[in-house]
């Protein structure tokens, strides 16, 4: 089994409805997103997945979140834009585009501040 991991940053703002502290107010983060995938085998040239492909898909998935007020996006119409929910949304988006018989996204982690990370996996 092979494992690949990439990390990308973006900046965005949010507020947490119902939160009993300052996070209920508008504030921003320099979010860090890490994607981990596993491959059962390598392709005919010896790679699991071209990093360019993985980076392109991650960039496309987080582009709409970059420099946005996350609460206004349709992905968060029914939930708070927490790190946990963002990790789940990105996991599902990337899995639907990249998973196949050989490759599987295994985890997406979202760090809103250094050392504070939420992950989603299935």
C-alpha atoms as a PDB file:
ATOM      1  CA  UNK A   1       0.000   0.000   0.000  1.00  0.00           C
ATOM      2  CA  UNK A   2       1.240   3.488  -0.863  1.00  0.00           C
ATOM      3  CA  UNK A   3       0.267   6.751   0.785  1.00  0.00           C
ATOM      4  CA  UNK A   4       0.457  10.279  -0.616  1.00  0.00           C
ATOM      5  CA  UNK A   5      -0.099  13.493   1.307  1.00  0.00           C
ATOM      6  CA  UNK A   6      -0.385  17.104   0.194  1.00  0.00           C
ATOM      7  CA  UNK A   7      -1.066  20.322   2.086  1.00  0.00           C
ATOM      8  CA  UNK A   8      -2.547  23.581   0.854  1.00  0.00           C
ATOM      9  CA  UNK A   9      -3.405  26.845   2.605  1.00  0.00           C
ATOM     10  CA  UNK A  10      -6.249  29.283   2.119  1.00  0.00           C
ATOM     11  CA  UNK A  11      -7.638  32.273   3.984  1.00  0.00           C
ATOM     12  CA  UNK A  12     -11.293  32.563   4.885  1.00  0.00           C
ATOM     13  CA  UNK A  13     -13.685  34.035   7.419  1.00  0.00           C
ATOM     14  CA  UNK A  14     -16.570  32.534   9.345  1.00  0.00           C
ATOM     15  CA  UNK A  15     -18.722  32.868  12.432  1.00  0.00           C
ATOM     16  CA  UNK A  16     -20.210  30.045  14.468  1.00  0.00           C
ATOM     17  CA  UNK A  17     -23.909  30.320  15.171  1.00  0.00           C
ATOM     18  CA  UNK A  18     -24.746  29.189  18.690  1.00  0.00           C
ATOM     19  CA  UNK A  19     -21.145  29.204  19.892  1.00  0.00           C
ATOM     20  CA  UNK A  20     -20.964  30.490  23.498  1.00  0.00           C
ATOM     21  CA  UNK A  21     -17.832  32.612  23.004  1.00  0.00           C
ATOM     22  CA  UNK A  22     -15.964  34.915  20.686  1.00  0.00           C
ATOM     23  CA  UNK A  23     -16.088  32.502  17.734  1.00  0.00           C
ATOM     24  CA  UNK A  24     -19.736  33.442  17.267  1.00  0.00           C
ATOM     25  CA  UNK A  25     -18.397  36.763  15.917  1.00  0.00           C
ATOM     26  CA  UNK A  26     -16.981  37.201  12.435  1.00  0.00           C
ATOM     27  CA  UNK A  27     -13.309  36.181  12.378  1.00  0.00           C
ATOM     28  CA  UNK A  28     -10.841  34.643   9.974  1.00  0.00           C
ATOM     29  CA  UNK A  29      -8.232  31.930   9.721  1.00  0.00           C
ATOM     30  CA  UNK A  30      -5.346  30.951   7.533  1.00  0.00           C
ATOM     31  CA  UNK A  31      -6.632  27.412   7.112  1.00  0.00           C
ATOM     32  CA  UNK A  32      -4.335  24.510   6.280  1.00  0.00           C
ATOM     33  CA  UNK A  33      -5.866  21.543   4.455  1.00  0.00           C
ATOM     34  CA  UNK A  34      -4.058  18.199   4.297  1.00  0.00           C
ATOM     35  CA  UNK A  35      -5.255  15.392   2.049  1.00  0.00           C
ATOM     36  CA  UNK A  36      -4.063  11.814   2.436  1.00  0.00           C
ATOM     37  CA  UNK A  37      -4.732   9.110  -0.127  1.00  0.00           C
ATOM     38  CA  UNK A  38      -3.769   5.478  -0.431  1.00  0.00           C
ATOM     39  CA  UNK A  39      -3.056   3.486  -3.553  1.00  0.00           C
ATOM     40  CA  UNK A  40      -3.087  -0.292  -3.698  1.00  0.00           C
ATOM     41  CA  UNK A  41      -0.561  -0.330  -6.516  1.00  0.00           C
ATOM     42  CA  UNK A  42       1.454   1.939  -8.757  1.00  0.00           C
ATOM     43  CA  UNK A  43       0.558   2.709 -12.348  1.00  0.00           C
ATOM     44  CA  UNK A  44       2.580   1.588 -15.369  1.00  0.00           C
ATOM     45  CA  UNK A  45       5.214   4.304 -14.840  1.00  0.00           C
ATOM     46  CA  UNK A  46       5.603   3.721 -11.113  1.00  0.00           C
ATOM     47  CA  UNK A  47       3.470   6.408  -9.467  1.00  0.00           C
ATOM     48  CA  UNK A  48       0.381   6.175  -7.288  1.00  0.00           C
ATOM     49  CA  UNK A  49      -1.136   9.430  -8.565  1.00  0.00           C
ATOM     50  CA  UNK A  50       0.572  12.386 -10.176  1.00  0.00           C
ATOM     51  CA  UNK A  51       0.965  15.068  -7.516  1.00  0.00           C
ATOM     52  CA  UNK A  52      -0.068  17.607 -10.179  1.00  0.00           C
ATOM     53  CA  UNK A  53      -3.448  15.898 -10.474  1.00  0.00           C
ATOM     54  CA  UNK A  54      -3.939  15.795  -6.707  1.00  0.00           C
ATOM     55  CA  UNK A  55      -2.909  19.444  -6.325  1.00  0.00           C
ATOM     56  CA  UNK A  56      -5.197  20.498  -9.180  1.00  0.00           C
ATOM     57  CA  UNK A  57      -8.201  18.768  -7.595  1.00  0.00           C
ATOM     58  CA  UNK A  58      -7.449  20.174  -4.137  1.00  0.00           C
ATOM     59  CA  UNK A  59      -7.000  23.677  -5.556  1.00  0.00           C
ATOM     60  CA  UNK A  60     -10.327  23.379  -7.371  1.00  0.00           C
ATOM     61  CA  UNK A  61     -12.056  22.110  -4.216  1.00  0.00           C
ATOM     62  CA  UNK A  62     -10.843  24.943  -1.959  1.00  0.00           C
ATOM     63  CA  UNK A  63     -10.834  27.778  -4.498  1.00  0.00           C
ATOM     64  CA  UNK A  64     -14.377  28.857  -3.638  1.00  0.00           C
ATOM     65  CA  UNK A  65     -13.476  29.006   0.082  1.00  0.00           C
ATOM     66  CA  UNK A  66     -10.382  31.193  -0.394  1.00  0.00           C
ATOM     67  CA  UNK A  67     -10.942  34.777   0.777  1.00  0.00           C
ATOM     68  CA  UNK A  68     -14.643  34.068   1.268  1.00  0.00           C
ATOM     69  CA  UNK A  69     -17.106  34.426   4.115  1.00  0.00           C
ATOM     70  CA  UNK A  70     -17.834  30.711   4.505  1.00  0.00           C
ATOM     71  CA  UNK A  71     -21.234  31.214   6.151  1.00  0.00           C
ATOM     72  CA  UNK A  72     -22.574  32.603   2.863  1.00  0.00           C
ATOM     73  CA  UNK A  73     -21.644  29.535   0.787  1.00  0.00           C
ATOM     74  CA  UNK A  74     -24.246  26.903  -0.097  1.00  0.00           C
ATOM     75  CA  UNK A  75     -22.143  24.118   1.438  1.00  0.00           C
ATOM     76  CA  UNK A  76     -22.846  25.650   4.846  1.00  0.00           C
ATOM     77  CA  UNK A  77     -26.539  26.452   4.395  1.00  0.00           C
ATOM     78  CA  UNK A  78     -27.472  23.744   6.929  1.00  0.00           C
ATOM     79  CA  UNK A  79     -24.394  23.650   9.148  1.00  0.00           C
ATOM     80  CA  UNK A  80     -21.794  25.856  10.763  1.00  0.00           C
ATOM     81  CA  UNK A  81     -18.556  26.305   8.785  1.00  0.00           C
ATOM     82  CA  UNK A  82     -16.458  24.507  11.380  1.00  0.00           C
ATOM     83  CA  UNK A  83     -13.168  22.766  10.678  1.00  0.00           C
ATOM     84  CA  UNK A  84     -15.000  19.463  11.115  1.00  0.00           C
ATOM     85  CA  UNK A  85     -17.645  20.290   8.506  1.00  0.00           C
ATOM     86  CA  UNK A  86     -15.080  21.730   6.121  1.00  0.00           C
ATOM     87  CA  UNK A  87     -13.012  18.530   6.375  1.00  0.00           C
ATOM     88  CA  UNK A  88     -16.104  16.416   5.603  1.00  0.00           C
ATOM     89  CA  UNK A  89     -17.139  18.567   2.640  1.00  0.00           C
ATOM     90  CA  UNK A  90     -13.645  18.467   1.137  1.00  0.00           C
ATOM     91  CA  UNK A  91     -13.329  14.714   1.757  1.00  0.00           C
ATOM     92  CA  UNK A  92     -16.558  13.992  -0.083  1.00  0.00           C
ATOM     93  CA  UNK A  93     -15.733  16.346  -2.949  1.00  0.00           C
ATOM     94  CA  UNK A  94     -12.250  14.929  -3.500  1.00  0.00           C
ATOM     95  CA  UNK A  95     -13.393  11.322  -3.039  1.00  0.00           C
ATOM     96  CA  UNK A  96     -16.045  11.692  -5.727  1.00  0.00           C
ATOM     97  CA  UNK A  97     -13.430  12.949  -8.191  1.00  0.00           C
ATOM     98  CA  UNK A  98     -10.418  10.771  -7.391  1.00  0.00           C
ATOM     99  CA  UNK A  99     -11.475   7.476  -5.811  1.00  0.00           C
ATOM    100  CA  UNK A 100     -11.335   4.465  -8.095  1.00  0.00           C
ATOM    101  CA  UNK A 101     -10.415   0.785  -7.858  1.00  0.00           C
ATOM    102  CA  UNK A 102      -6.774   1.690  -7.152  1.00  0.00           C
ATOM    103  CA  UNK A 103      -6.909   5.023  -5.258  1.00  0.00           C
ATOM    104  CA  UNK A 104      -8.855   6.126  -2.175  1.00  0.00           C
ATOM    105  CA  UNK A 105      -8.850   9.396  -0.267  1.00  0.00           C
ATOM    106  CA  UNK A 106      -8.360   8.195   3.307  1.00  0.00           C
ATOM    107  CA  UNK A 107      -8.392  11.429   5.306  1.00  0.00           C
ATOM    108  CA  UNK A 108      -8.821  15.177   4.989  1.00  0.00           C
ATOM    109  CA  UNK A 109      -7.592  17.336   7.867  1.00  0.00           C
ATOM    110  CA  UNK A 110      -8.306  21.017   8.370  1.00  0.00           C
ATOM    111  CA  UNK A 111      -6.194  23.117  10.710  1.00  0.00           C
ATOM    112  CA  UNK A 112      -7.588  26.529  11.598  1.00  0.00           C
ATOM    113  CA  UNK A 113      -4.740  27.490  13.891  1.00  0.00           C
ATOM    114  CA  UNK A 114      -1.377  25.768  14.456  1.00  0.00           C
ATOM    115  CA  UNK A 115      -1.993  22.663  16.510  1.00  0.00           C
ATOM    116  CA  UNK A 116      -5.825  22.778  16.215  1.00  0.00           C
ATOM    117  CA  UNK A 117      -6.906  20.256  13.605  1.00  0.00           C
ATOM    118  CA  UNK A 118     -10.059  18.350  12.677  1.00  0.00           C
ATOM    119  CA  UNK A 119     -10.077  15.341  10.346  1.00  0.00           C
ATOM    120  CA  UNK A 120     -12.724  13.440   8.434  1.00  0.00           C
ATOM    121  CA  UNK A 121     -12.463   9.905   7.056  1.00  0.00           C
ATOM    122  CA  UNK A 122     -14.736   6.982   6.235  1.00  0.00           C
END
